[in-house]
Amino acid sequence: CDGTELALCQAVARLAVSRMNLAATGPITHVTLTVGDCGRLARS
């Protein structure tokens, strides 16, 4: 979770997993969140 509160981390992870093609990935083994700067993300 990279310091993100657990409930929010789980919500972010669940949304991310919902975007994956689970037939292609197979069972999910790991989800990593890295906190980022929103302005930098918008630009890059």
ModelCIF file with pLDDT and N, C-alpha, C, O atoms, coordinates in Angstrom:
data_MODEL
#
_entry.id   MODEL 
#
_entity.id                         1 
_entity.type                       polymer 
_entity.pdbx_number_of_molecules   1 
#
_entity_poly.entity_id                      1 
_entity_poly.type                           'polypeptide(L)' 
_entity_poly.nstd_linkage                   no 
_entity_poly.nstd_monomer                   no 
_entity_poly.pdbx_seq_one_letter_code       CDGTELALCQAVARLAVSRMNLAATGPITHVTLTVGDCGRLARS 
_entity_poly.pdbx_seq_one_letter_code_can   CDGTELALCQAVARLAVSRMNLAATGPITHVTLTVGDCGRLARS 
_entity_poly.pdbx_strand_id                 A 
#
loop_
_entity_poly_seq.entity_id 
_entity_poly_seq.num 
_entity_poly_seq.mon_id 
_entity_poly_seq.hetero 
1 1  CYS n 
1 2  ASP n 
1 3  GLY n 
1 4  THR n 
1 5  GLU n 
1 6  LEU n 
1 7  ALA n 
1 8  LEU n 
1 9  CYS n 
1 10 GLN n 
1 11 ALA n 
1 12 VAL n 
1 13 ALA n 
1 14 ARG n 
1 15 LEU n 
1 16 ALA n 
1 17 VAL n 
1 18 SER n 
1 19 ARG n 
1 20 MET n 
1 21 ASN n 
1 22 LEU n 
1 23 ALA n 
1 24 ALA n 
1 25 THR n 
1 26 GLY n 
1 27 PRO n 
1 28 ILE n 
1 29 THR n 
1 30 HIS n 
1 31 VAL n 
1 32 THR n 
1 33 LEU n 
1 34 THR n 
1 35 VAL n 
1 36 GLY n 
1 37 ASP n 
1 38 CYS n 
1 39 GLY n 
1 40 ARG n 
1 41 LEU n 
1 42 ALA n 
1 43 ARG n 
1 44 SER n 
#
_struct_asym.id          A 
_struct_asym.entity_id   1 
#
loop_
_ma_qa_metric.id 
_ma_qa_metric.mode 
_ma_qa_metric.name 
_ma_qa_metric.software_group_id 
_ma_qa_metric.type 
1 global pLDDT . pLDDT 
2 local  pLDDT . pLDDT 
#
_ma_qa_metric_global.metric_id      1 
_ma_qa_metric_global.metric_value   91.61 
_ma_qa_metric_global.model_id       1 
_ma_qa_metric_global.ordinal_id     1 
#
loop_
_ma_qa_metric_local.label_asym_id 
_ma_qa_metric_local.label_comp_id 
_ma_qa_metric_local.label_seq_id 
_ma_qa_metric_local.metric_id 
_ma_qa_metric_local.metric_value 
_ma_qa_metric_local.model_id 
_ma_qa_metric_local.ordinal_id 
A CYS 1  2 95.00 1 1  
A ASP 2  2 94.00 1 2  
A GLY 3  2 94.00 1 3  
A THR 4  2 95.00 1 4  
A GLU 5  2 95.00 1 5  
A LEU 6  2 93.00 1 6  
A ALA 7  2 93.00 1 7  
A LEU 8  2 95.00 1 8  
A CYS 9  2 95.00 1 9  
A GLN 10 2 93.00 1 10 
A ALA 11 2 95.00 1 11 
A VAL 12 2 95.00 1 12 
A ALA 13 2 95.00 1 13 
A ARG 14 2 93.00 1 14 
A LEU 15 2 94.00 1 15 
A ALA 16 2 94.00 1 16 
A VAL 17 2 92.00 1 17 
A SER 18 2 92.00 1 18 
A ARG 19 2 91.00 1 19 
A MET 20 2 91.00 1 20 
A ASN 21 2 91.00 1 21 
A LEU 22 2 89.00 1 22 
A ALA 23 2 90.00 1 23 
A ALA 24 2 91.00 1 24 
A THR 25 2 90.00 1 25 
A GLY 26 2 91.00 1 26 
A PRO 27 2 91.00 1 27 
A ILE 28 2 92.00 1 28 
A THR 29 2 93.00 1 29 
A HIS 30 2 94.00 1 30 
A VAL 31 2 96.00 1 31 
A THR 32 2 96.00 1 32 
A LEU 33 2 96.00 1 33 
A THR 34 2 96.00 1 34 
A VAL 35 2 95.00 1 35 
A GLY 36 2 91.00 1 36 
A ASP 37 2 90.00 1 37 
A CYS 38 2 90.00 1 38 
A GLY 39 2 86.00 1 39 
A ARG 40 2 85.00 1 40 
A LEU 41 2 82.00 1 41 
A ALA 42 2 79.00 1 42 
A ARG 43 2 83.00 1 43 
A SER 44 2 80.00 1 44 
#
loop_
_atom_site.group_PDB 
_atom_site.id 
_atom_site.type_symbol 
_atom_site.label_atom_id 
_atom_site.label_alt_id 
_atom_site.label_comp_id 
_atom_site.label_asym_id 
_atom_site.label_entity_id 
_atom_site.label_seq_id 
_atom_site.pdbx_PDB_ins_code 
_atom_site.Cartn_x 
_atom_site.Cartn_y 
_atom_site.Cartn_z 
_atom_site.occupancy 
_atom_site.B_iso_or_equiv 
_atom_site.pdbx_formal_charge 
_atom_site.auth_seq_id 
_atom_site.auth_comp_id 
_atom_site.auth_asym_id 
_atom_site.auth_atom_id 
_atom_site.pdbx_PDB_model_num 
ATOM 1   N N  . CYS A 1 1  ? 0.777   -1.244  0.000   1.00 95.00 ? 1  CYS A N  1 
ATOM 2   C CA . CYS A 1 1  ? 0.000   0.000   0.000   1.00 95.00 ? 1  CYS A CA 1 
ATOM 3   C C  . CYS A 1 1  ? 0.809   1.295   0.000   1.00 95.00 ? 1  CYS A C  1 
ATOM 4   O O  . CYS A 1 1  ? 0.214   2.361   -0.159  1.00 95.00 ? 1  CYS A O  1 
ATOM 5   N N  . ASP A 1 2  ? 2.112   1.265   0.166   1.00 94.00 ? 2  ASP A N  1 
ATOM 6   C CA . ASP A 1 2  ? 2.951   2.462   0.127   1.00 94.00 ? 2  ASP A CA 1 
ATOM 7   C C  . ASP A 1 2  ? 2.416   3.569   1.040   1.00 94.00 ? 2  ASP A C  1 
ATOM 8   O O  . ASP A 1 2  ? 2.386   4.737   0.653   1.00 94.00 ? 2  ASP A O  1 
ATOM 9   N N  . GLY A 1 3  ? 1.995   3.197   2.252   1.00 94.00 ? 3  GLY A N  1 
ATOM 10  C CA . GLY A 1 3  ? 1.534   4.183   3.222   1.00 94.00 ? 3  GLY A CA 1 
ATOM 11  C C  . GLY A 1 3  ? 0.085   4.603   3.082   1.00 94.00 ? 3  GLY A C  1 
ATOM 12  O O  . GLY A 1 3  ? -0.395  5.408   3.881   1.00 94.00 ? 3  GLY A O  1 
ATOM 13  N N  . THR A 1 4  ? -0.625  4.086   2.098   1.00 95.00 ? 4  THR A N  1 
ATOM 14  C CA . THR A 1 4  ? -2.037  4.418   1.904   1.00 95.00 ? 4  THR A CA 1 
ATOM 15  C C  . THR A 1 4  ? -2.877  3.665   2.928   1.00 95.00 ? 4  THR A C  1 
ATOM 16  O O  . THR A 1 4  ? -2.639  2.484   3.179   1.00 95.00 ? 4  THR A O  1 
ATOM 17  N N  . GLU A 1 5  ? -3.858  4.343   3.518   1.00 95.00 ? 5  GLU A N  1 
ATOM 18  C CA . GLU A 1 5  ? -4.760  3.730   4.493   1.00 95.00 ? 5  GLU A CA 1 
ATOM 19  C C  . GLU A 1 5  ? -5.373  2.461   3.888   1.00 95.00 ? 5  GLU A C  1 
ATOM 20  O O  . GLU A 1 5  ? -5.731  2.450   2.710   1.00 95.00 ? 5  GLU A O  1 
ATOM 21  N N  . LEU A 1 6  ? -5.494  1.395   4.683   1.00 93.00 ? 6  LEU A N  1 
ATOM 22  C CA . LEU A 1 6  ? -5.842  0.073   4.180   1.00 93.00 ? 6  LEU A CA 1 
ATOM 23  C C  . LEU A 1 6  ? -7.158  0.041   3.405   1.00 93.00 ? 6  LEU A C  1 
ATOM 24  O O  . LEU A 1 6  ? -7.200  -0.540  2.320   1.00 93.00 ? 6  LEU A O  1 
ATOM 25  N N  . ALA A 1 7  ? -8.221  0.636   3.911   1.00 93.00 ? 7  ALA A N  1 
ATOM 26  C CA . ALA A 1 7  ? -9.506  0.581   3.207   1.00 93.00 ? 7  ALA A CA 1 
ATOM 27  C C  . ALA A 1 7  ? -9.406  1.246   1.836   1.00 93.00 ? 7  ALA A C  1 
ATOM 28  O O  . ALA A 1 7  ? -9.939  0.730   0.854   1.00 93.00 ? 7  ALA A O  1 
ATOM 29  N N  . LEU A 1 8  ? -8.728  2.382   1.769   1.00 95.00 ? 8  LEU A N  1 
ATOM 30  C CA . LEU A 1 8  ? -8.545  3.072   0.491   1.00 95.00 ? 8  LEU A CA 1 
ATOM 31  C C  . LEU A 1 8  ? -7.643  2.248   -0.415  1.00 95.00 ? 8  LEU A C  1 
ATOM 32  O O  . LEU A 1 8  ? -7.910  2.129   -1.611  1.00 95.00 ? 8  LEU A O  1 
ATOM 33  N N  . CYS A 1 9  ? -6.585  1.682   0.137   1.00 95.00 ? 9  CYS A N  1 
ATOM 34  C CA . CYS A 1 9  ? -5.672  0.833   -0.633  1.00 95.00 ? 9  CYS A CA 1 
ATOM 35  C C  . CYS A 1 9  ? -6.434  -0.336  -1.260  1.00 95.00 ? 9  CYS A C  1 
ATOM 36  O O  . CYS A 1 9  ? -6.247  -0.646  -2.437  1.00 95.00 ? 9  CYS A O  1 
ATOM 37  N N  . GLN A 1 10 ? -7.285  -0.976  -0.473  1.00 93.00 ? 10 GLN A N  1 
ATOM 38  C CA . GLN A 1 10 ? -8.070  -2.098  -0.989  1.00 93.00 ? 10 GLN A CA 1 
ATOM 39  C C  . GLN A 1 10 ? -9.028  -1.651  -2.091  1.00 93.00 ? 10 GLN A C  1 
ATOM 40  O O  . GLN A 1 10 ? -9.222  -2.371  -3.071  1.00 93.00 ? 10 GLN A O  1 
ATOM 41  N N  . ALA A 1 11 ? -9.630  -0.467  -1.937  1.00 95.00 ? 11 ALA A N  1 
ATOM 42  C CA . ALA A 1 11 ? -10.533 0.048   -2.964  1.00 95.00 ? 11 ALA A CA 1 
ATOM 43  C C  . ALA A 1 11 ? -9.785  0.326   -4.261  1.00 95.00 ? 11 ALA A C  1 
ATOM 44  O O  . ALA A 1 11 ? -10.265 -0.005  -5.345  1.00 95.00 ? 11 ALA A O  1 
ATOM 45  N N  . VAL A 1 12 ? -8.606  0.936   -4.147  1.00 95.00 ? 12 VAL A N  1 
ATOM 46  C CA . VAL A 1 12 ? -7.787  1.215   -5.331  1.00 95.00 ? 12 VAL A CA 1 
ATOM 47  C C  . VAL A 1 12 ? -7.369  -0.095  -5.995  1.00 95.00 ? 12 VAL A C  1 
ATOM 48  O O  . VAL A 1 12 ? -7.438  -0.224  -7.218  1.00 95.00 ? 12 VAL A O  1 
ATOM 49  N N  . ALA A 1 13 ? -6.939  -1.056  -5.200  1.00 95.00 ? 13 ALA A N  1 
ATOM 50  C CA . ALA A 1 13 ? -6.507  -2.344  -5.740  1.00 95.00 ? 13 ALA A CA 1 
ATOM 51  C C  . ALA A 1 13 ? -7.648  -3.076  -6.431  1.00 95.00 ? 13 ALA A C  1 
ATOM 52  O O  . ALA A 1 13 ? -7.462  -3.640  -7.509  1.00 95.00 ? 13 ALA A O  1 
ATOM 53  N N  . ARG A 1 14 ? -8.827  -3.071  -5.817  1.00 93.00 ? 14 ARG A N  1 
ATOM 54  C CA . ARG A 1 14 ? -9.967  -3.759  -6.417  1.00 93.00 ? 14 ARG A CA 1 
ATOM 55  C C  . ARG A 1 14 ? -10.335 -3.117  -7.753  1.00 93.00 ? 14 ARG A C  1 
ATOM 56  O O  . ARG A 1 14 ? -10.651 -3.826  -8.708  1.00 93.00 ? 14 ARG A O  1 
ATOM 57  N N  . LEU A 1 15 ? -10.299 -1.785  -7.834  1.00 94.00 ? 15 LEU A N  1 
ATOM 58  C CA . LEU A 1 15 ? -10.575 -1.106  -9.092  1.00 94.00 ? 15 LEU A CA 1 
ATOM 59  C C  . LEU A 1 15 ? -9.528  -1.494  -10.136 1.00 94.00 ? 15 LEU A C  1 
ATOM 60  O O  . LEU A 1 15 ? -9.869  -1.756  -11.290 1.00 94.00 ? 15 LEU A O  1 
ATOM 61  N N  . ALA A 1 16 ? -8.266  -1.532  -9.737  1.00 94.00 ? 16 ALA A N  1 
ATOM 62  C CA . ALA A 1 16 ? -7.194  -1.906  -10.664 1.00 94.00 ? 16 ALA A CA 1 
ATOM 63  C C  . ALA A 1 16 ? -7.383  -3.329  -11.167 1.00 94.00 ? 16 ALA A C  1 
ATOM 64  O O  . ALA A 1 16 ? -7.259  -3.586  -12.364 1.00 94.00 ? 16 ALA A O  1 
ATOM 65  N N  . VAL A 1 17 ? -7.678  -4.248  -10.270 1.00 92.00 ? 17 VAL A N  1 
ATOM 66  C CA . VAL A 1 17 ? -7.873  -5.645  -10.667 1.00 92.00 ? 17 VAL A CA 1 
ATOM 67  C C  . VAL A 1 17 ? -9.068  -5.767  -11.613 1.00 92.00 ? 17 VAL A C  1 
ATOM 68  O O  . VAL A 1 17 ? -9.058  -6.596  -12.523 1.00 92.00 ? 17 VAL A O  1 
ATOM 69  N N  . SER A 1 18 ? -10.093 -4.946  -11.399 1.00 92.00 ? 18 SER A N  1 
ATOM 70  C CA . SER A 1 18 ? -11.279 -5.011  -12.272 1.00 92.00 ? 18 SER A CA 1 
ATOM 71  C C  . SER A 1 18 ? -10.952 -4.597  -13.705 1.00 92.00 ? 18 SER A C  1 
ATOM 72  O O  . SER A 1 18 ? -11.694 -4.937  -14.627 1.00 92.00 ? 18 SER A O  1 
ATOM 73  N N  . ARG A 1 19 ? -9.851  -3.869  -13.907 1.00 91.00 ? 19 ARG A N  1 
ATOM 74  C CA . ARG A 1 19 ? -9.436  -3.446  -15.246 1.00 91.00 ? 19 ARG A CA 1 
ATOM 75  C C  . ARG A 1 19 ? -8.600  -4.498  -15.967 1.00 91.00 ? 19 ARG A C  1 
ATOM 76  O O  . ARG A 1 19 ? -8.311  -4.354  -17.155 1.00 91.00 ? 19 ARG A O  1 
ATOM 77  N N  . MET A 1 20 ? -8.214  -5.546  -15.260 1.00 91.00 ? 20 MET A N  1 
ATOM 78  C CA . MET A 1 20 ? -7.346  -6.568  -15.842 1.00 91.00 ? 20 MET A CA 1 
ATOM 79  C C  . MET A 1 20 ? -8.178  -7.649  -16.541 1.00 91.00 ? 20 MET A C  1 
ATOM 80  O O  . MET A 1 20 ? -9.316  -7.920  -16.157 1.00 91.00 ? 20 MET A O  1 
ATOM 81  N N  . ASN A 1 21 ? -7.598  -8.249  -17.557 1.00 91.00 ? 21 ASN A N  1 
ATOM 82  C CA . ASN A 1 21 ? -8.204  -9.397  -18.227 1.00 91.00 ? 21 ASN A CA 1 
ATOM 83  C C  . ASN A 1 21 ? -7.736  -10.630 -17.462 1.00 91.00 ? 21 ASN A C  1 
ATOM 84  O O  . ASN A 1 21 ? -6.655  -11.155 -17.727 1.00 91.00 ? 21 ASN A O  1 
ATOM 85  N N  . LEU A 1 22 ? -8.541  -11.086 -16.524 1.00 89.00 ? 22 LEU A N  1 
ATOM 86  C CA . LEU A 1 22 ? -8.131  -12.172 -15.641 1.00 89.00 ? 22 LEU A CA 1 
ATOM 87  C C  . LEU A 1 22 ? -7.942  -13.491 -16.384 1.00 89.00 ? 22 LEU A C  1 
ATOM 88  O O  . LEU A 1 22 ? -7.212  -14.363 -15.913 1.00 89.00 ? 22 LEU A O  1 
ATOM 89  N N  . ALA A 1 23 ? -8.586  -13.648 -17.528 1.00 90.00 ? 23 ALA A N  1 
ATOM 90  C CA . ALA A 1 23 ? -8.362  -14.854 -18.327 1.00 90.00 ? 23 ALA A CA 1 
ATOM 91  C C  . ALA A 1 23 ? -6.929  -14.876 -18.850 1.00 90.00 ? 23 ALA A C  1 
ATOM 92  O O  . ALA A 1 23 ? -6.329  -15.943 -18.978 1.00 90.00 ? 23 ALA A O  1 
ATOM 93  N N  . ALA A 1 24 ? -6.382  -13.706 -19.152 1.00 91.00 ? 24 ALA A N  1 
ATOM 94  C CA . ALA A 1 24 ? -5.012  -13.618 -19.660 1.00 91.00 ? 24 ALA A CA 1 
ATOM 95  C C  . ALA A 1 24 ? -3.982  -13.626 -18.538 1.00 91.00 ? 24 ALA A C  1 
ATOM 96  O O  . ALA A 1 24 ? -2.935  -14.261 -18.661 1.00 91.00 ? 24 ALA A O  1 
ATOM 97  N N  . THR A 1 25 ? -4.272  -12.924 -17.446 1.00 90.00 ? 25 THR A N  1 
ATOM 98  C CA . THR A 1 25 ? -3.284  -12.816 -16.374 1.00 90.00 ? 25 THR A CA 1 
ATOM 99  C C  . THR A 1 25 ? -3.211  -14.066 -15.522 1.00 90.00 ? 25 THR A C  1 
ATOM 100 O O  . THR A 1 25 ? -2.173  -14.363 -14.931 1.00 90.00 ? 25 THR A O  1 
ATOM 101 N N  . GLY A 1 26 ? -4.319  -14.804 -15.456 1.00 91.00 ? 26 GLY A N  1 
ATOM 102 C CA . GLY A 1 26 ? -4.382  -15.894 -14.489 1.00 91.00 ? 26 GLY A CA 1 
ATOM 103 C C  . GLY A 1 26 ? -4.660  -15.308 -13.119 1.00 91.00 ? 26 GLY A C  1 
ATOM 104 O O  . GLY A 1 26 ? -4.933  -14.114 -12.998 1.00 91.00 ? 26 GLY A O  1 
ATOM 105 N N  . PRO A 1 27 ? -4.594  -16.129 -12.094 1.00 91.00 ? 27 PRO A N  1 
ATOM 106 C CA . PRO A 1 27 ? -4.844  -15.614 -10.740 1.00 91.00 ? 27 PRO A CA 1 
ATOM 107 C C  . PRO A 1 27 ? -3.877  -14.467 -10.405 1.00 91.00 ? 27 PRO A C  1 
ATOM 108 O O  . PRO A 1 27 ? -2.690  -14.524 -10.723 1.00 91.00 ? 27 PRO A O  1 
ATOM 109 N N  . ILE A 1 28 ? -4.411  -13.441 -9.764  1.00 92.00 ? 28 ILE A N  1 
ATOM 110 C CA . ILE A 1 28 ? -3.598  -12.294 -9.365  1.00 92.00 ? 28 ILE A CA 1 
ATOM 111 C C  . ILE A 1 28 ? -2.733  -12.702 -8.176  1.00 92.00 ? 28 ILE A C  1 
ATOM 112 O O  . ILE A 1 28 ? -3.227  -13.269 -7.202  1.00 92.00 ? 28 ILE A O  1 
ATOM 113 N N  . THR A 1 29 ? -1.448  -12.409 -8.267  1.00 93.00 ? 29 THR A N  1 
ATOM 114 C CA . THR A 1 29 ? -0.524  -12.779 -7.198  1.00 93.00 ? 29 THR A CA 1 
ATOM 115 C C  . THR A 1 29 ? -0.040  -11.587 -6.389  1.00 93.00 ? 29 THR A C  1 
ATOM 116 O O  . THR A 1 29 ? 0.388   -11.753 -5.246  1.00 93.00 ? 29 THR A O  1 
ATOM 117 N N  . HIS A 1 30 ? -0.098  -10.380 -6.961  1.00 94.00 ? 30 HIS A N  1 
ATOM 118 C CA . HIS A 1 30 ? 0.445   -9.227  -6.256  1.00 94.00 ? 30 HIS A CA 1 
ATOM 119 C C  . HIS A 1 30 ? -0.128  -7.931  -6.830  1.00 94.00 ? 30 HIS A C  1 
ATOM 120 O O  . HIS A 1 30 ? -0.287  -7.795  -8.043  1.00 94.00 ? 30 HIS A O  1 
ATOM 121 N N  . VAL A 1 31 ? -0.434  -6.989  -5.947  1.00 96.00 ? 31 VAL A N  1 
ATOM 122 C CA . VAL A 1 31 ? -0.833  -5.642  -6.357  1.00 96.00 ? 31 VAL A CA 1 
ATOM 123 C C  . VAL A 1 31 ? 0.003   -4.652  -5.551  1.00 96.00 ? 31 VAL A C  1 
ATOM 124 O O  . VAL A 1 31 ? 0.045   -4.715  -4.322  1.00 96.00 ? 31 VAL A O  1 
ATOM 125 N N  . THR A 1 32 ? 0.664   -3.741  -6.254  1.00 96.00 ? 32 THR A N  1 
ATOM 126 C CA . THR A 1 32 ? 1.509   -2.737  -5.607  1.00 96.00 ? 32 THR A CA 1 
ATOM 127 C C  . THR A 1 32 ? 1.021   -1.345  -5.973  1.00 96.00 ? 32 THR A C  1 
ATOM 128 O O  . THR A 1 32 ? 0.885   -1.015  -7.151  1.00 96.00 ? 32 THR A O  1 
ATOM 129 N N  . LEU A 1 33 ? 0.757   -0.528  -4.955  1.00 96.00 ? 33 LEU A N  1 
ATOM 130 C CA . LEU A 1 33 ? 0.412   0.874   -5.150  1.00 96.00 ? 33 LEU A CA 1 
ATOM 131 C C  . LEU A 1 33 ? 1.652   1.707   -4.860  1.00 96.00 ? 33 LEU A C  1 
ATOM 132 O O  . LEU A 1 33 ? 2.358   1.465   -3.882  1.00 96.00 ? 33 LEU A O  1 
ATOM 133 N N  . THR A 1 34 ? 1.908   2.678   -5.707  1.00 96.00 ? 34 THR A N  1 
ATOM 134 C CA . THR A 1 34 ? 2.970   3.643   -5.471  1.00 96.00 ? 34 THR A CA 1 
ATOM 135 C C  . THR A 1 34 ? 2.335   5.023   -5.500  1.00 96.00 ? 34 THR A C  1 
ATOM 136 O O  . THR A 1 34 ? 1.795   5.449   -6.520  1.00 96.00 ? 34 THR A O  1 
ATOM 137 N N  . VAL A 1 35 ? 2.404   5.714   -4.374  1.00 95.00 ? 35 VAL A N  1 
ATOM 138 C CA . VAL A 1 35 ? 1.819   7.046   -4.280  1.00 95.00 ? 35 VAL A CA 1 
ATOM 139 C C  . VAL A 1 35 ? 2.556   7.970   -5.248  1.00 95.00 ? 35 VAL A C  1 
ATOM 140 O O  . VAL A 1 35 ? 3.786   7.972   -5.308  1.00 95.00 ? 35 VAL A O  1 
ATOM 141 N N  . GLY A 1 36 ? 1.794   8.745   -5.995  1.00 91.00 ? 36 GLY A N  1 
ATOM 142 C CA . GLY A 1 36 ? 2.396   9.641   -6.964  1.00 91.00 ? 36 GLY A CA 1 
ATOM 143 C C  . GLY A 1 36 ? 1.909   11.069  -6.826  1.00 91.00 ? 36 GLY A C  1 
ATOM 144 O O  . GLY A 1 36 ? 0.940   11.343  -6.116  1.00 91.00 ? 36 GLY A O  1 
ATOM 145 N N  . ASP A 1 37 ? 2.569   11.953  -7.491  1.00 90.00 ? 37 ASP A N  1 
ATOM 146 C CA . ASP A 1 37 ? 2.203   13.356  -7.543  1.00 90.00 ? 37 ASP A CA 1 
ATOM 147 C C  . ASP A 1 37 ? 1.201   13.539  -8.680  1.00 90.00 ? 37 ASP A C  1 
ATOM 148 O O  . ASP A 1 37 ? 1.510   13.242  -9.834  1.00 90.00 ? 37 ASP A O  1 
ATOM 149 N N  . CYS A 1 38 ? 0.013   14.024  -8.360  1.00 90.00 ? 38 CYS A N  1 
ATOM 150 C CA . CYS A 1 38 ? -1.049  14.134  -9.367  1.00 90.00 ? 38 CYS A CA 1 
ATOM 151 C C  . CYS A 1 38 ? -0.678  15.085  -10.503 1.00 90.00 ? 38 CYS A C  1 
ATOM 152 O O  . CYS A 1 38 ? -0.979  14.805  -11.663 1.00 90.00 ? 38 CYS A O  1 
ATOM 153 N N  . GLY A 1 39 ? -0.036  16.191  -10.190 1.00 86.00 ? 39 GLY A N  1 
ATOM 154 C CA . GLY A 1 39 ? 0.367   17.133  -11.235 1.00 86.00 ? 39 GLY A CA 1 
ATOM 155 C C  . GLY A 1 39 ? 1.374   16.517  -12.189 1.00 86.00 ? 39 GLY A C  1 
ATOM 156 O O  . GLY A 1 39 ? 1.270   16.679  -13.405 1.00 86.00 ? 39 GLY A O  1 
ATOM 157 N N  . ARG A 1 40 ? 2.340   15.817  -11.639 1.00 85.00 ? 40 ARG A N  1 
ATOM 158 C CA . ARG A 1 40 ? 3.349   15.157  -12.475 1.00 85.00 ? 40 ARG A CA 1 
ATOM 159 C C  . ARG A 1 40 ? 2.705   14.062  -13.327 1.00 85.00 ? 40 ARG A C  1 
ATOM 160 O O  . ARG A 1 40 ? 3.043   13.906  -14.501 1.00 85.00 ? 40 ARG A O  1 
ATOM 161 N N  . LEU A 1 41 ? 1.782   13.308  -12.736 1.00 82.00 ? 41 LEU A N  1 
ATOM 162 C CA . LEU A 1 41 ? 1.082   12.267  -13.486 1.00 82.00 ? 41 LEU A CA 1 
ATOM 163 C C  . LEU A 1 41 ? 0.295   12.878  -14.645 1.00 82.00 ? 41 LEU A C  1 
ATOM 164 O O  . LEU A 1 41 ? 0.291   12.338  -15.751 1.00 82.00 ? 41 LEU A O  1 
ATOM 165 N N  . ALA A 1 42 ? -0.363  13.991  -14.390 1.00 79.00 ? 42 ALA A N  1 
ATOM 166 C CA . ALA A 1 42 ? -1.143  14.658  -15.440 1.00 79.00 ? 42 ALA A CA 1 
ATOM 167 C C  . ALA A 1 42 ? -0.240  15.073  -16.601 1.00 79.00 ? 42 ALA A C  1 
ATOM 168 O O  . ALA A 1 42 ? -0.598  14.901  -17.766 1.00 79.00 ? 42 ALA A O  1 
ATOM 169 N N  . ARG A 1 43 ? 0.921   15.614  -16.277 1.00 83.00 ? 43 ARG A N  1 
ATOM 170 C CA . ARG A 1 43 ? 1.839   16.071  -17.328 1.00 83.00 ? 43 ARG A CA 1 
ATOM 171 C C  . ARG A 1 43 ? 2.511   14.911  -18.059 1.00 83.00 ? 43 ARG A C  1 
ATOM 172 O O  . ARG A 1 43 ? 2.607   14.928  -19.287 1.00 83.00 ? 43 ARG A O  1 
ATOM 173 N N  . SER A 1 44 ? 2.972   13.917  -17.328 1.00 80.00 ? 44 SER A N  1 
ATOM 174 C CA . SER A 1 44 ? 3.760   12.850  -17.957 1.00 80.00 ? 44 SER A CA 1 
ATOM 175 C C  . SER A 1 44 ? 2.907   11.835  -18.699 1.00 80.00 ? 44 SER A C  1 
ATOM 176 O O  . SER A 1 44 ? 3.438   10.886  -19.275 1.00 80.00 ? 44 SER A O  1 
#
